[in-house]
N, C-alpha and C. Protein backbone atom coordinates (compact mmCIF):
# COMPACT_ATOMS: atom_id res chain seq x y z
N MET A 1 0.77 -1.15 -0.10
CA MET A 1 -0.08 -0.03 -0.12
C MET A 1 0.91 1.03 -0.16
N ASP A 2 0.61 2.30 -0.78
CA ASP A 2 1.47 3.36 -1.03
C ASP A 2 1.52 4.31 0.05
N LYS A 3 2.29 5.19 0.31
CA LYS A 3 2.45 6.30 1.34
C LYS A 3 1.31 7.19 1.45
N THR A 4 0.78 7.60 0.49
CA THR A 4 -0.43 8.51 0.60
C THR A 4 -1.47 7.78 1.00
N VAL A 5 -1.87 6.69 0.98
CA VAL A 5 -3.13 5.63 1.30
C VAL A 5 -2.75 5.47 2.78
N LEU A 6 -1.45 5.16 3.35
CA LEU A 6 -1.25 4.98 4.58
C LEU A 6 -1.52 6.20 5.50
N ILE A 7 -0.93 7.51 5.00
CA ILE A 7 -1.02 8.66 5.83
C ILE A 7 -2.61 8.87 5.84
N SER A 8 -3.39 8.90 4.72
CA SER A 8 -4.94 9.03 4.80
C SER A 8 -5.72 8.20 5.78
N MET A 9 -5.34 6.98 5.86
CA MET A 9 -5.83 5.98 6.73
C MET A 9 -5.58 6.23 8.32
N PHE A 10 -4.28 6.88 8.47
CA PHE A 10 -3.93 7.25 9.79
C PHE A 10 -4.72 8.44 10.36
N VAL A 11 -4.77 9.43 9.49
CA VAL A 11 -5.56 10.64 9.87
C VAL A 11 -7.10 10.35 10.12
N THR A 12 -7.60 9.45 9.15
CA THR A 12 -8.95 8.88 9.57
C THR A 12 -9.26 8.28 10.86
N PHE A 13 -8.33 7.60 11.23
CA PHE A 13 -8.44 6.98 12.43
C PHE A 13 -8.34 7.97 13.64
N VAL A 14 -7.26 8.83 13.54
CA VAL A 14 -7.06 9.87 14.63
C VAL A 14 -8.38 10.57 14.83
N THR A 15 -8.97 11.21 13.67
CA THR A 15 -10.11 12.06 13.87
C THR A 15 -11.19 11.28 14.30
N SER A 16 -11.32 10.25 13.86
CA SER A 16 -12.47 9.24 14.20
C SER A 16 -12.51 9.11 15.76
N ASN A 17 -11.30 8.94 16.41
CA ASN A 17 -11.24 8.77 17.98
C ASN A 17 -11.55 10.18 18.49
N GLU A 18 -11.42 11.31 18.00
CA GLU A 18 -11.89 12.53 18.53
C GLU A 18 -13.26 12.75 18.54
N VAL A 19 -13.56 12.39 17.51
CA VAL A 19 -15.14 12.56 17.27
C VAL A 19 -15.81 11.59 18.30
N LEU A 20 -15.69 10.26 18.59
CA LEU A 20 -16.18 9.45 19.17
C LEU A 20 -16.25 9.52 20.76
N ARG A 21 -15.33 10.48 21.11
CA ARG A 21 -15.28 10.81 22.44
C ARG A 21 -16.36 11.54 23.05
N TYR A 22 -17.13 12.08 22.16
CA TYR A 22 -18.38 12.90 22.43
C TYR A 22 -19.31 12.08 23.00
N GLU A 23 -19.85 12.34 24.12
CA GLU A 23 -21.00 11.56 24.66
C GLU A 23 -22.39 12.20 24.83
N PRO A 24 -23.41 12.14 24.12
CA PRO A 24 -24.47 12.98 24.29
C PRO A 24 -25.26 12.83 25.58
N GLN A 25 -25.90 13.67 26.20
CA GLN A 25 -26.63 13.59 27.28
C GLN A 25 -27.80 12.56 26.98
N ASN A 26 -28.14 11.76 27.83
CA ASN A 26 -29.54 10.97 27.85
C ASN A 26 -29.37 9.86 26.83
N SER A 27 -27.97 9.63 26.73
CA SER A 27 -27.87 8.57 25.57
C SER A 27 -28.14 7.15 25.89
N ILE A 28 -28.78 6.29 25.09
CA ILE A 28 -29.21 5.03 25.32
C ILE A 28 -28.02 4.12 25.41
N PRO A 29 -28.06 3.14 26.44
CA PRO A 29 -26.92 2.07 26.76
C PRO A 29 -26.72 1.25 25.62
N VAL A 30 -25.54 0.96 25.15
CA VAL A 30 -25.51 0.13 24.04
C VAL A 30 -24.46 -1.09 24.44
N MET A 31 -24.39 -2.04 23.54
CA MET A 31 -23.49 -3.15 23.77
C MET A 31 -22.00 -2.85 24.27
N GLN A 32 -21.42 -3.51 25.07
CA GLN A 32 -20.15 -3.17 25.26
C GLN A 32 -19.18 -3.49 24.09
N LYS A 33 -18.52 -2.66 23.56
CA LYS A 33 -17.77 -2.83 22.42
C LYS A 33 -16.63 -3.95 22.68
N PRO A 34 -16.31 -4.76 21.64
CA PRO A 34 -15.18 -5.68 21.85
C PRO A 34 -13.88 -4.64 21.73
N ALA A 35 -12.72 -5.34 22.34
CA ALA A 35 -11.60 -4.47 22.44
C ALA A 35 -11.10 -4.21 21.09
N PHE A 36 -11.44 -5.43 20.42
CA PHE A 36 -10.67 -5.20 18.85
C PHE A 36 -11.18 -4.38 17.85
N CYS A 37 -12.48 -3.53 18.52
CA CYS A 37 -13.09 -2.46 17.94
C CYS A 37 -12.17 -1.26 17.96
N ASN A 38 -11.36 -1.09 18.82
CA ASN A 38 -10.45 -0.16 19.04
C ASN A 38 -11.35 1.51 19.39
N ASN A 39 -12.26 1.12 20.18
CA ASN A 39 -13.08 2.28 20.59
C ASN A 39 -13.73 2.97 19.42
N LEU A 40 -13.86 2.43 18.20
CA LEU A 40 -14.73 2.98 17.14
C LEU A 40 -15.92 2.15 17.19
N ASP A 41 -16.93 2.98 16.59
CA ASP A 41 -18.36 2.14 16.55
C ASP A 41 -18.04 0.90 15.54
N CYS A 42 -18.80 -0.15 15.92
CA CYS A 42 -18.92 -1.19 15.16
C CYS A 42 -19.95 -2.24 15.27
N PRO A 43 -20.56 -3.03 14.25
CA PRO A 43 -21.83 -3.56 14.19
C PRO A 43 -22.02 -4.29 15.42
N GLU A 44 -23.22 -4.22 15.98
CA GLU A 44 -23.63 -5.06 17.09
C GLU A 44 -23.97 -6.53 17.05
N PHE A 45 -23.33 -7.59 17.91
CA PHE A 45 -23.77 -8.74 17.54
C PHE A 45 -23.72 -9.65 18.96
N THR A 46 -24.08 -10.70 19.01
CA THR A 46 -24.14 -11.63 19.99
C THR A 46 -23.59 -12.78 19.81
N VAL A 47 -22.55 -13.21 20.52
CA VAL A 47 -21.88 -14.72 20.09
C VAL A 47 -22.73 -15.83 20.79
N VAL A 48 -23.24 -16.55 19.82
CA VAL A 48 -24.13 -17.75 20.19
C VAL A 48 -23.27 -18.92 20.60
N LYS A 49 -22.01 -19.19 19.84
CA LYS A 49 -21.21 -20.33 20.37
C LYS A 49 -19.74 -19.96 19.79
N SER A 50 -18.83 -20.40 20.90
CA SER A 50 -17.50 -20.20 20.42
C SER A 50 -16.68 -21.63 20.59
N THR A 51 -15.82 -21.74 19.40
CA THR A 51 -14.84 -23.08 19.47
C THR A 51 -13.44 -22.46 19.26
N LYS A 52 -12.52 -23.08 19.30
CA LYS A 52 -11.03 -23.01 19.15
C LYS A 52 -11.01 -22.43 17.64
N GLU A 53 -11.74 -22.80 16.64
CA GLU A 53 -11.72 -22.56 15.24
C GLU A 53 -12.59 -21.31 14.85
N TYR A 54 -13.62 -20.99 15.58
CA TYR A 54 -14.52 -20.07 15.07
C TYR A 54 -15.61 -19.79 16.03
N GLU A 55 -16.21 -18.67 15.82
CA GLU A 55 -17.44 -18.08 16.73
C GLU A 55 -18.51 -18.16 15.62
N VAL A 56 -19.86 -18.32 16.31
CA VAL A 56 -21.04 -18.21 15.65
C VAL A 56 -21.69 -16.75 16.17
N ARG A 57 -21.77 -16.07 15.43
CA ARG A 57 -22.43 -14.56 15.90
C ARG A 57 -23.63 -14.30 15.11
N ASP A 58 -24.50 -13.68 15.87
CA ASP A 58 -25.81 -13.03 15.21
C ASP A 58 -25.73 -11.67 15.30
N TYR A 59 -25.87 -11.12 14.21
CA TYR A 59 -25.44 -9.71 13.75
C TYR A 59 -27.12 -9.05 13.79
N VAL A 60 -27.14 -7.79 14.37
CA VAL A 60 -28.40 -7.02 14.28
C VAL A 60 -28.59 -6.47 12.85
N ASP A 61 -29.79 -5.82 12.27
CA ASP A 61 -29.83 -5.10 11.40
C ASP A 61 -28.75 -3.86 11.21
N THR A 62 -28.03 -3.57 10.36
CA THR A 62 -26.97 -3.05 9.99
C THR A 62 -27.06 -2.00 8.61
N ASP A 63 -26.41 -0.96 8.64
CA ASP A 63 -26.35 0.00 7.49
C ASP A 63 -24.71 0.13 7.08
N TRP A 64 -24.55 0.13 5.81
CA TRP A 64 -23.07 0.36 5.29
C TRP A 64 -23.18 1.16 4.13
N VAL A 65 -21.98 1.84 3.79
CA VAL A 65 -21.52 2.53 2.64
C VAL A 65 -20.68 1.73 2.01
N SER A 66 -20.66 1.46 0.50
CA SER A 66 -20.15 0.39 -0.01
C SER A 66 -19.64 0.78 -1.58
N THR A 67 -18.79 0.32 -1.94
CA THR A 67 -18.10 0.24 -3.50
C THR A 67 -17.64 -1.14 -3.99
N ASN A 68 -17.20 -0.99 -5.03
CA ASN A 68 -16.97 -2.42 -5.81
C ASN A 68 -15.93 -2.27 -6.68
N GLN A 69 -15.07 -3.34 -6.91
CA GLN A 69 -14.22 -3.47 -8.17
C GLN A 69 -14.34 -4.81 -8.80
N LEU A 70 -14.15 -4.81 -10.18
CA LEU A 70 -14.27 -5.94 -10.81
C LEU A 70 -12.98 -6.53 -11.54
N ASN A 71 -12.77 -7.61 -11.58
CA ASN A 71 -11.65 -8.04 -12.33
C ASN A 71 -10.21 -7.30 -12.04
N MET A 72 -9.95 -7.14 -10.96
CA MET A 72 -8.75 -6.50 -10.39
C MET A 72 -7.79 -7.14 -9.38
N GLU A 73 -6.66 -7.31 -9.25
CA GLU A 73 -5.93 -8.09 -8.25
C GLU A 73 -6.24 -7.39 -6.84
N TYR A 74 -6.34 -8.36 -5.76
CA TYR A 74 -6.95 -8.00 -4.42
C TYR A 74 -6.38 -6.72 -3.79
N ARG A 75 -5.01 -6.68 -4.01
CA ARG A 75 -4.32 -5.61 -3.30
C ARG A 75 -4.94 -4.27 -3.99
N LYS A 76 -4.88 -4.24 -5.28
CA LYS A 76 -4.80 -2.88 -6.07
C LYS A 76 -6.48 -2.65 -5.71
N ALA A 77 -7.35 -3.67 -5.95
CA ALA A 77 -9.05 -3.43 -5.78
C ALA A 77 -9.12 -2.87 -4.26
N SER A 78 -8.38 -3.40 -3.12
CA SER A 78 -8.65 -2.74 -1.88
C SER A 78 -8.20 -1.60 -1.83
N THR A 79 -6.78 -0.97 -2.38
CA THR A 79 -6.66 0.38 -2.14
C THR A 79 -7.63 1.37 -2.69
N THR A 80 -7.92 1.02 -4.25
CA THR A 80 -8.92 1.54 -4.90
C THR A 80 -10.34 1.89 -4.15
N ASN A 81 -10.82 0.59 -3.47
CA ASN A 81 -12.05 0.96 -3.07
C ASN A 81 -11.97 1.71 -1.70
N PHE A 82 -10.91 1.44 -0.83
CA PHE A 82 -10.69 2.25 0.49
C PHE A 82 -10.69 3.69 -0.01
N MET A 83 -10.02 4.04 -0.91
CA MET A 83 -9.92 5.43 -1.28
C MET A 83 -11.39 6.09 -1.52
N LYS A 84 -12.10 5.42 -2.39
CA LYS A 84 -13.44 5.84 -2.68
C LYS A 84 -14.36 6.16 -1.54
N LEU A 85 -14.14 5.18 -0.53
CA LEU A 85 -14.91 5.23 0.62
C LEU A 85 -14.43 6.41 1.51
N PHE A 86 -13.10 6.49 1.55
CA PHE A 86 -12.61 7.47 2.33
C PHE A 86 -12.88 8.65 2.04
N ARG A 87 -12.88 8.93 0.65
CA ARG A 87 -13.65 10.41 0.10
C ARG A 87 -14.95 10.67 0.56
N TYR A 88 -15.64 9.57 0.52
CA TYR A 88 -17.10 9.76 0.95
C TYR A 88 -17.14 10.31 2.48
N ILE A 89 -16.53 9.72 3.45
CA ILE A 89 -16.52 10.16 4.93
C ILE A 89 -15.66 11.37 5.03
N SER A 90 -14.77 11.66 4.23
CA SER A 90 -14.10 13.09 4.26
C SER A 90 -14.92 14.04 3.80
N GLY A 91 -16.05 13.75 3.06
CA GLY A 91 -17.04 14.90 2.72
C GLY A 91 -17.54 15.01 1.29
N GLN A 92 -17.07 13.94 0.51
CA GLN A 92 -17.49 13.68 -0.73
C GLN A 92 -19.14 13.06 -0.72
N ASN A 93 -19.95 13.88 -0.19
CA ASN A 93 -21.36 13.50 -0.13
C ASN A 93 -22.22 14.60 -0.14
N ASP A 94 -23.54 14.54 -0.15
CA ASP A 94 -24.56 15.43 -0.49
C ASP A 94 -24.49 16.61 0.58
N LYS A 95 -24.12 16.52 1.89
CA LYS A 95 -24.01 17.29 2.79
C LYS A 95 -22.73 17.94 3.20
N LYS A 96 -21.59 17.46 2.20
CA LYS A 96 -20.24 17.95 2.61
C LYS A 96 -19.84 17.67 3.92
N GLN A 97 -20.27 16.59 4.45
CA GLN A 97 -20.00 16.25 5.76
C GLN A 97 -19.06 15.29 6.12
N LYS A 98 -18.10 15.56 7.01
CA LYS A 98 -17.35 14.47 7.55
C LYS A 98 -17.90 13.34 8.34
N VAL A 99 -17.64 12.21 8.20
CA VAL A 99 -18.37 11.07 8.81
C VAL A 99 -17.30 10.26 9.68
N ALA A 100 -17.63 9.85 10.93
CA ALA A 100 -16.52 9.01 11.52
C ALA A 100 -16.13 7.94 11.20
N MET A 101 -14.90 7.59 11.22
CA MET A 101 -14.49 6.10 10.90
C MET A 101 -15.09 5.06 11.68
N THR A 102 -15.54 4.13 11.18
CA THR A 102 -15.85 2.88 12.08
C THR A 102 -15.06 1.36 11.85
N CYS A 103 -15.49 0.46 12.33
CA CYS A 103 -14.77 -0.84 11.90
C CYS A 103 -15.80 -1.91 12.24
N PRO A 104 -15.62 -2.98 11.23
CA PRO A 104 -14.34 -3.37 10.80
C PRO A 104 -14.42 -2.79 9.12
N VAL A 105 -13.52 -2.75 8.26
CA VAL A 105 -13.68 -2.56 7.09
C VAL A 105 -13.60 -3.95 6.38
N VAL A 106 -14.96 -4.12 5.72
CA VAL A 106 -15.38 -5.46 5.40
C VAL A 106 -15.37 -5.75 3.75
N THR A 107 -14.58 -6.65 3.43
CA THR A 107 -14.68 -6.86 1.99
C THR A 107 -15.46 -8.15 1.59
N ARG A 108 -16.39 -8.15 0.51
CA ARG A 108 -17.00 -9.23 0.13
C ARG A 108 -16.30 -10.09 -1.04
N ILE A 109 -16.09 -11.00 -0.97
CA ILE A 109 -15.25 -11.71 -2.14
C ILE A 109 -16.24 -12.70 -2.94
N ILE A 110 -16.22 -12.43 -4.25
CA ILE A 110 -16.84 -13.31 -4.94
C ILE A 110 -15.79 -13.95 -5.95
N PRO A 111 -15.37 -15.05 -5.61
CA PRO A 111 -14.17 -15.69 -6.45
C PRO A 111 -14.70 -15.70 -8.09
N GLY A 112 -13.48 -15.46 -8.73
CA GLY A 112 -13.64 -15.66 -10.33
C GLY A 112 -13.64 -17.13 -10.70
N GLN A 113 -13.67 -17.39 -11.90
CA GLN A 113 -13.62 -18.77 -12.42
C GLN A 113 -12.30 -19.34 -12.53
N GLY A 114 -11.21 -18.57 -12.80
CA GLY A 114 -9.81 -18.76 -12.71
C GLY A 114 -9.34 -19.32 -11.43
N PRO A 115 -8.16 -19.91 -11.40
CA PRO A 115 -7.47 -20.38 -10.07
C PRO A 115 -6.99 -18.88 -9.28
N ALA A 116 -6.62 -17.82 -10.06
CA ALA A 116 -5.99 -16.83 -9.46
C ALA A 116 -6.91 -15.57 -9.99
N CYS A 117 -8.00 -15.63 -10.12
CA CYS A 117 -8.72 -14.64 -10.59
C CYS A 117 -9.99 -14.30 -9.76
N GLU A 118 -9.77 -13.59 -8.62
CA GLU A 118 -10.72 -13.01 -7.50
C GLU A 118 -11.56 -11.87 -8.16
N SER A 119 -12.77 -11.94 -8.92
CA SER A 119 -12.88 -11.09 -9.85
C SER A 119 -13.82 -10.03 -9.29
N ASN A 120 -14.49 -10.15 -8.12
CA ASN A 120 -15.48 -9.18 -7.58
C ASN A 120 -15.10 -8.90 -6.18
N PHE A 121 -14.86 -7.63 -5.80
CA PHE A 121 -14.38 -7.17 -4.53
C PHE A 121 -15.29 -6.10 -4.05
N THR A 122 -16.25 -6.17 -2.99
CA THR A 122 -17.15 -5.09 -2.72
C THR A 122 -16.71 -4.75 -1.10
N MET A 123 -16.12 -3.57 -1.15
CA MET A 123 -15.69 -3.17 0.26
C MET A 123 -16.68 -2.19 1.08
N SER A 124 -16.98 -2.51 2.23
CA SER A 124 -17.90 -1.61 2.95
C SER A 124 -17.55 -1.20 4.34
N PHE A 125 -17.74 0.20 4.52
CA PHE A 125 -17.62 0.65 5.77
C PHE A 125 -19.11 0.63 6.79
N PHE A 126 -19.04 0.28 7.99
CA PHE A 126 -20.33 0.25 8.85
C PHE A 126 -20.68 1.68 8.88
N VAL A 127 -21.98 1.94 9.00
CA VAL A 127 -22.67 3.18 9.35
C VAL A 127 -23.05 3.08 10.80
N SER A 128 -22.57 3.78 11.47
CA SER A 128 -22.92 4.09 12.84
C SER A 128 -24.41 4.39 13.07
N PRO A 129 -25.11 3.91 13.73
CA PRO A 129 -26.42 4.26 14.07
C PRO A 129 -26.51 5.87 14.56
N ASP A 130 -25.47 6.47 15.12
CA ASP A 130 -25.59 7.65 15.48
C ASP A 130 -25.34 8.67 14.15
N GLN A 131 -24.98 7.96 13.05
CA GLN A 131 -24.79 8.93 12.07
C GLN A 131 -25.96 9.06 11.30
N LYS A 132 -26.93 7.97 11.42
CA LYS A 132 -28.08 8.01 10.64
C LYS A 132 -29.07 9.37 10.68
N PRO A 133 -29.82 9.88 9.67
CA PRO A 133 -29.47 9.47 8.31
C PRO A 133 -28.17 9.89 7.79
N ALA A 134 -27.57 8.76 7.39
CA ALA A 134 -26.36 8.96 6.63
C ALA A 134 -26.40 9.92 5.25
N PRO A 135 -25.45 10.85 5.12
CA PRO A 135 -25.31 11.61 3.96
C PRO A 135 -25.19 10.81 2.71
N LYS A 136 -25.98 11.39 1.63
CA LYS A 136 -25.77 10.36 0.27
C LYS A 136 -24.30 10.52 -0.41
N PRO A 137 -23.82 9.56 -0.94
CA PRO A 137 -22.83 9.73 -1.75
C PRO A 137 -22.91 10.66 -3.15
N THR A 138 -21.94 11.44 -3.31
CA THR A 138 -22.03 12.01 -4.67
C THR A 138 -21.20 11.33 -5.91
N ASN A 139 -20.34 10.37 -5.42
CA ASN A 139 -19.84 9.72 -6.45
C ASN A 139 -20.78 8.34 -6.66
N PRO A 140 -21.20 8.20 -7.83
CA PRO A 140 -22.12 7.23 -8.37
C PRO A 140 -21.68 5.64 -8.11
N GLU A 141 -20.20 5.59 -7.93
CA GLU A 141 -19.80 4.35 -7.51
C GLU A 141 -19.98 3.77 -6.24
N VAL A 142 -20.29 4.91 -5.32
CA VAL A 142 -20.53 4.43 -3.98
C VAL A 142 -21.96 4.56 -3.51
N PHE A 143 -22.26 3.63 -2.69
CA PHE A 143 -23.82 3.60 -2.42
C PHE A 143 -24.18 2.97 -0.77
N LEU A 144 -25.22 3.69 -0.41
CA LEU A 144 -25.74 3.19 0.95
C LEU A 144 -26.56 2.06 0.75
N HIS A 145 -26.52 1.04 1.78
CA HIS A 145 -27.48 -0.01 1.84
C HIS A 145 -27.68 -0.68 2.97
N SER A 146 -28.84 -1.12 3.44
CA SER A 146 -29.11 -1.83 4.80
C SER A 146 -28.91 -3.21 4.53
N VAL A 147 -28.65 -3.89 5.77
CA VAL A 147 -28.25 -5.45 5.64
C VAL A 147 -29.29 -5.94 6.71
N PRO A 148 -30.10 -6.81 6.73
CA PRO A 148 -30.96 -7.24 7.59
C PRO A 148 -30.11 -8.31 8.62
N LYS A 149 -30.67 -8.51 9.73
CA LYS A 149 -29.96 -9.33 10.87
C LYS A 149 -29.46 -10.72 9.97
N PHE A 150 -28.35 -10.94 10.27
CA PHE A 150 -27.55 -12.39 9.75
C PHE A 150 -26.89 -13.18 10.81
N ARG A 151 -26.69 -14.44 10.51
CA ARG A 151 -25.76 -15.17 11.53
C ARG A 151 -24.39 -15.60 10.57
N ALA A 152 -23.39 -15.21 11.24
CA ALA A 152 -22.29 -15.30 10.47
C ALA A 152 -21.20 -16.41 11.39
N TYR A 153 -20.40 -17.08 10.60
CA TYR A 153 -19.52 -18.06 11.14
C TYR A 153 -18.19 -17.26 11.02
N VAL A 154 -17.49 -16.93 12.04
CA VAL A 154 -16.37 -15.96 12.16
C VAL A 154 -15.04 -16.76 12.50
N ARG A 155 -13.84 -16.50 11.91
CA ARG A 155 -12.63 -17.15 12.18
C ARG A 155 -11.71 -16.00 12.50
N GLN A 156 -11.11 -15.82 13.73
CA GLN A 156 -10.27 -14.63 14.21
C GLN A 156 -8.87 -15.13 13.93
N PHE A 157 -8.12 -14.22 13.51
CA PHE A 157 -6.67 -14.30 13.59
C PHE A 157 -5.87 -13.04 13.48
N SER A 158 -4.43 -13.11 14.01
CA SER A 158 -3.91 -11.93 14.19
C SER A 158 -2.61 -11.71 13.04
N GLY A 159 -1.86 -10.91 13.24
CA GLY A 159 -0.66 -10.50 12.11
C GLY A 159 -1.29 -9.66 11.01
N TRP A 160 -0.41 -9.39 10.15
CA TRP A 160 -0.52 -8.58 8.81
C TRP A 160 -1.30 -9.49 7.93
N ALA A 161 -2.43 -8.88 7.39
CA ALA A 161 -3.31 -9.60 6.36
C ALA A 161 -3.51 -8.66 5.20
N MET A 162 -2.56 -8.35 4.48
CA MET A 162 -2.47 -7.46 3.20
C MET A 162 -2.88 -8.14 1.93
N ASP A 163 -2.55 -9.24 1.71
CA ASP A 163 -2.53 -9.86 0.53
C ASP A 163 -3.51 -11.25 0.67
N TYR A 164 -4.10 -11.38 -0.82
CA TYR A 164 -5.25 -12.34 -0.79
C TYR A 164 -4.78 -13.66 -0.44
N PRO A 165 -3.70 -14.40 -0.55
CA PRO A 165 -3.39 -15.61 -0.21
C PRO A 165 -3.67 -15.82 1.45
N VAL A 166 -3.26 -14.78 2.14
CA VAL A 166 -3.29 -14.66 3.73
C VAL A 166 -4.80 -14.98 4.07
N TRP A 167 -5.79 -14.16 3.54
CA TRP A 167 -7.23 -14.21 3.75
C TRP A 167 -7.60 -15.71 3.35
N ARG A 168 -7.27 -15.96 1.97
CA ARG A 168 -7.98 -17.22 1.44
C ARG A 168 -7.46 -18.47 2.44
N ASP A 169 -6.29 -18.57 3.02
CA ASP A 169 -5.77 -19.73 3.82
C ASP A 169 -6.73 -19.94 4.99
N GLU A 170 -7.02 -18.62 5.48
CA GLU A 170 -7.87 -18.62 6.61
C GLU A 170 -9.20 -19.04 6.52
N ALA A 171 -9.75 -18.50 5.47
CA ALA A 171 -11.27 -18.78 4.79
C ALA A 171 -11.31 -20.51 4.65
N VAL A 172 -10.26 -21.05 4.10
CA VAL A 172 -10.33 -22.52 4.00
C VAL A 172 -10.23 -23.16 5.21
N LYS A 173 -9.38 -22.65 6.18
CA LYS A 173 -9.31 -23.42 7.55
C LYS A 173 -10.87 -23.15 8.19
N LEU A 174 -11.45 -22.20 7.88
CA LEU A 174 -12.85 -21.84 8.61
C LEU A 174 -13.84 -22.72 7.93
N GLY A 175 -13.92 -23.08 6.42
CA GLY A 175 -14.62 -23.80 5.99
C GLY A 175 -14.29 -25.34 6.33
N GLU A 176 -13.33 -25.78 6.43
CA GLU A 176 -12.91 -27.11 6.86
C GLU A 176 -13.55 -27.33 8.37
N ALA A 177 -13.24 -26.51 9.18
CA ALA A 177 -13.83 -26.50 10.57
C ALA A 177 -15.23 -26.65 10.38
N LEU A 178 -15.97 -25.82 9.80
CA LEU A 178 -17.59 -25.71 9.72
C LEU A 178 -17.98 -27.08 8.99
N THR A 179 -17.31 -27.69 8.06
CA THR A 179 -17.78 -29.00 7.28
C THR A 179 -17.63 -29.76 8.35
N LYS A 180 -16.41 -29.89 9.01
CA LYS A 180 -16.16 -31.02 10.11
C LYS A 180 -17.28 -31.15 11.18
N ASP A 181 -17.83 -29.89 11.42
CA ASP A 181 -18.87 -29.85 12.45
C ASP A 181 -20.44 -30.04 12.06
N GLY A 182 -20.24 -30.28 10.59
CA GLY A 182 -21.74 -30.34 9.97
C GLY A 182 -22.64 -29.18 9.84
N LEU A 183 -22.05 -27.95 9.84
CA LEU A 183 -22.64 -26.65 9.54
C LEU A 183 -22.78 -26.30 8.12
N GLU A 184 -23.84 -25.78 7.70
CA GLU A 184 -24.20 -25.36 6.37
C GLU A 184 -23.76 -23.91 6.38
N PHE A 185 -23.09 -23.38 5.12
CA PHE A 185 -22.82 -22.08 4.99
C PHE A 185 -22.73 -21.72 3.68
N VAL A 186 -22.90 -20.58 3.29
CA VAL A 186 -22.91 -20.22 1.83
C VAL A 186 -21.45 -20.34 1.47
N THR A 187 -21.32 -20.89 0.31
CA THR A 187 -19.81 -20.96 -0.32
C THR A 187 -19.57 -20.38 -1.57
N GLU A 188 -20.40 -19.34 -2.30
CA GLU A 188 -20.38 -18.95 -3.36
C GLU A 188 -19.51 -17.47 -3.18
N THR A 189 -19.72 -17.00 -1.78
CA THR A 189 -18.78 -15.59 -1.46
C THR A 189 -18.69 -15.90 0.03
N TRP A 190 -17.53 -14.84 0.26
CA TRP A 190 -17.12 -14.85 1.70
C TRP A 190 -16.71 -13.61 1.97
N TRP A 191 -16.40 -13.09 3.13
CA TRP A 191 -16.02 -11.77 3.71
C TRP A 191 -14.58 -11.78 4.43
N THR A 192 -13.96 -10.96 4.15
CA THR A 192 -12.73 -10.62 4.82
C THR A 192 -13.05 -9.31 5.89
N ALA A 193 -12.57 -9.07 7.20
CA ALA A 193 -12.94 -8.00 8.15
C ALA A 193 -11.40 -7.56 8.63
N GLY A 194 -11.17 -6.22 8.56
CA GLY A 194 -10.05 -5.89 9.32
C GLY A 194 -10.32 -4.50 10.05
N TYR A 195 -9.64 -4.62 11.28
CA TYR A 195 -10.19 -3.63 12.22
C TYR A 195 -9.10 -2.67 12.56
N ASP A 196 -7.77 -2.79 12.30
CA ASP A 196 -6.70 -1.93 12.51
C ASP A 196 -6.22 -0.86 11.57
N SER A 197 -5.88 0.02 12.26
CA SER A 197 -5.00 1.11 11.48
C SER A 197 -3.66 0.34 10.96
N PRO A 198 -3.22 0.72 9.75
CA PRO A 198 -1.76 0.20 9.27
C PRO A 198 -0.73 0.51 10.12
N PHE A 199 -0.75 1.34 11.12
CA PHE A 199 0.29 1.75 11.97
C PHE A 199 0.19 0.80 13.13
N LYS A 200 -0.74 -0.07 13.40
CA LYS A 200 -0.81 -0.83 14.58
C LYS A 200 0.12 -2.16 14.29
N VAL A 201 1.01 -2.36 15.25
CA VAL A 201 2.08 -3.35 14.88
C VAL A 201 1.80 -4.71 15.88
N LEU A 202 1.27 -4.55 16.90
CA LEU A 202 1.03 -5.67 17.62
C LEU A 202 -0.31 -5.91 18.08
N ASN A 203 -0.78 -7.08 18.16
CA ASN A 203 -2.06 -7.60 18.42
C ASN A 203 -3.11 -7.16 17.46
N ARG A 204 -2.74 -7.27 16.44
CA ARG A 204 -3.55 -6.89 15.08
C ARG A 204 -4.96 -7.89 15.02
N HIS A 205 -5.90 -7.60 14.58
CA HIS A 205 -7.36 -8.41 14.74
C HIS A 205 -7.75 -8.40 13.35
N ASN A 206 -7.90 -9.68 12.72
CA ASN A 206 -8.43 -9.94 11.42
C ASN A 206 -9.66 -11.05 11.63
N GLU A 207 -10.47 -11.04 10.92
CA GLU A 207 -11.43 -12.15 10.66
C GLU A 207 -11.71 -12.36 9.16
N VAL A 208 -12.13 -13.76 9.04
CA VAL A 208 -13.02 -14.12 7.83
C VAL A 208 -14.42 -14.66 8.21
N TRP A 209 -15.36 -14.45 7.20
CA TRP A 209 -16.81 -14.57 7.69
C TRP A 209 -17.29 -15.64 6.47
N PHE A 210 -18.13 -16.31 6.75
CA PHE A 210 -18.93 -17.22 6.11
C PHE A 210 -20.39 -16.90 6.50
N LEU A 211 -21.37 -16.75 5.80
CA LEU A 211 -22.67 -16.57 6.25
C LEU A 211 -23.53 -18.04 6.35
N ALA A 212 -24.29 -18.17 7.48
CA ALA A 212 -24.83 -19.48 7.72
C ALA A 212 -26.08 -19.53 6.57
N LYS A 213 -26.29 -20.80 6.03
CA LYS A 213 -27.49 -21.09 5.34
C LYS A 213 -28.67 -20.82 6.00
């Protein structure tokens, strides 16, 4: 990832932390944020089951801002998608409004037909309930959408996950564990979820998701 992208991501995370320190009066109690959310707003979920290999999570209804790339190498697609979403939260919207960064940064992957052709990557930023109604994107390639509650099988792992093979290998391990336990899941698509600034070196938190059938 180039220096410009890293600097932009760092500024976003710092600014977001400042915004999220504000606590309005008469606020409604919300779930305790997991430590890996890094004090940023993240989707609410309940852990139904936890094993050594994966968690079963039930997520509530959520809202997202997304964009996608077709037929592009994973790292290049990730950088392109991130910058489009970064510009949206930086004010490229109908209200010219800055939007606080959230986590995780999620990418839906629909594998292509070839062995090395991951052809469809859709990246999404979670829209905090505090942000609604979210400003509308002015870039036609960026869009808002709602996702109804869902159940996800989640594998967590640490370290750096910048390249596609790292995510793919973890997804394979998750699929094998779920199959062994007799659980049915969607195989046509899967998700990556990253929670950390690129400047965080230790205790990084990454996830791969499969949706339950």
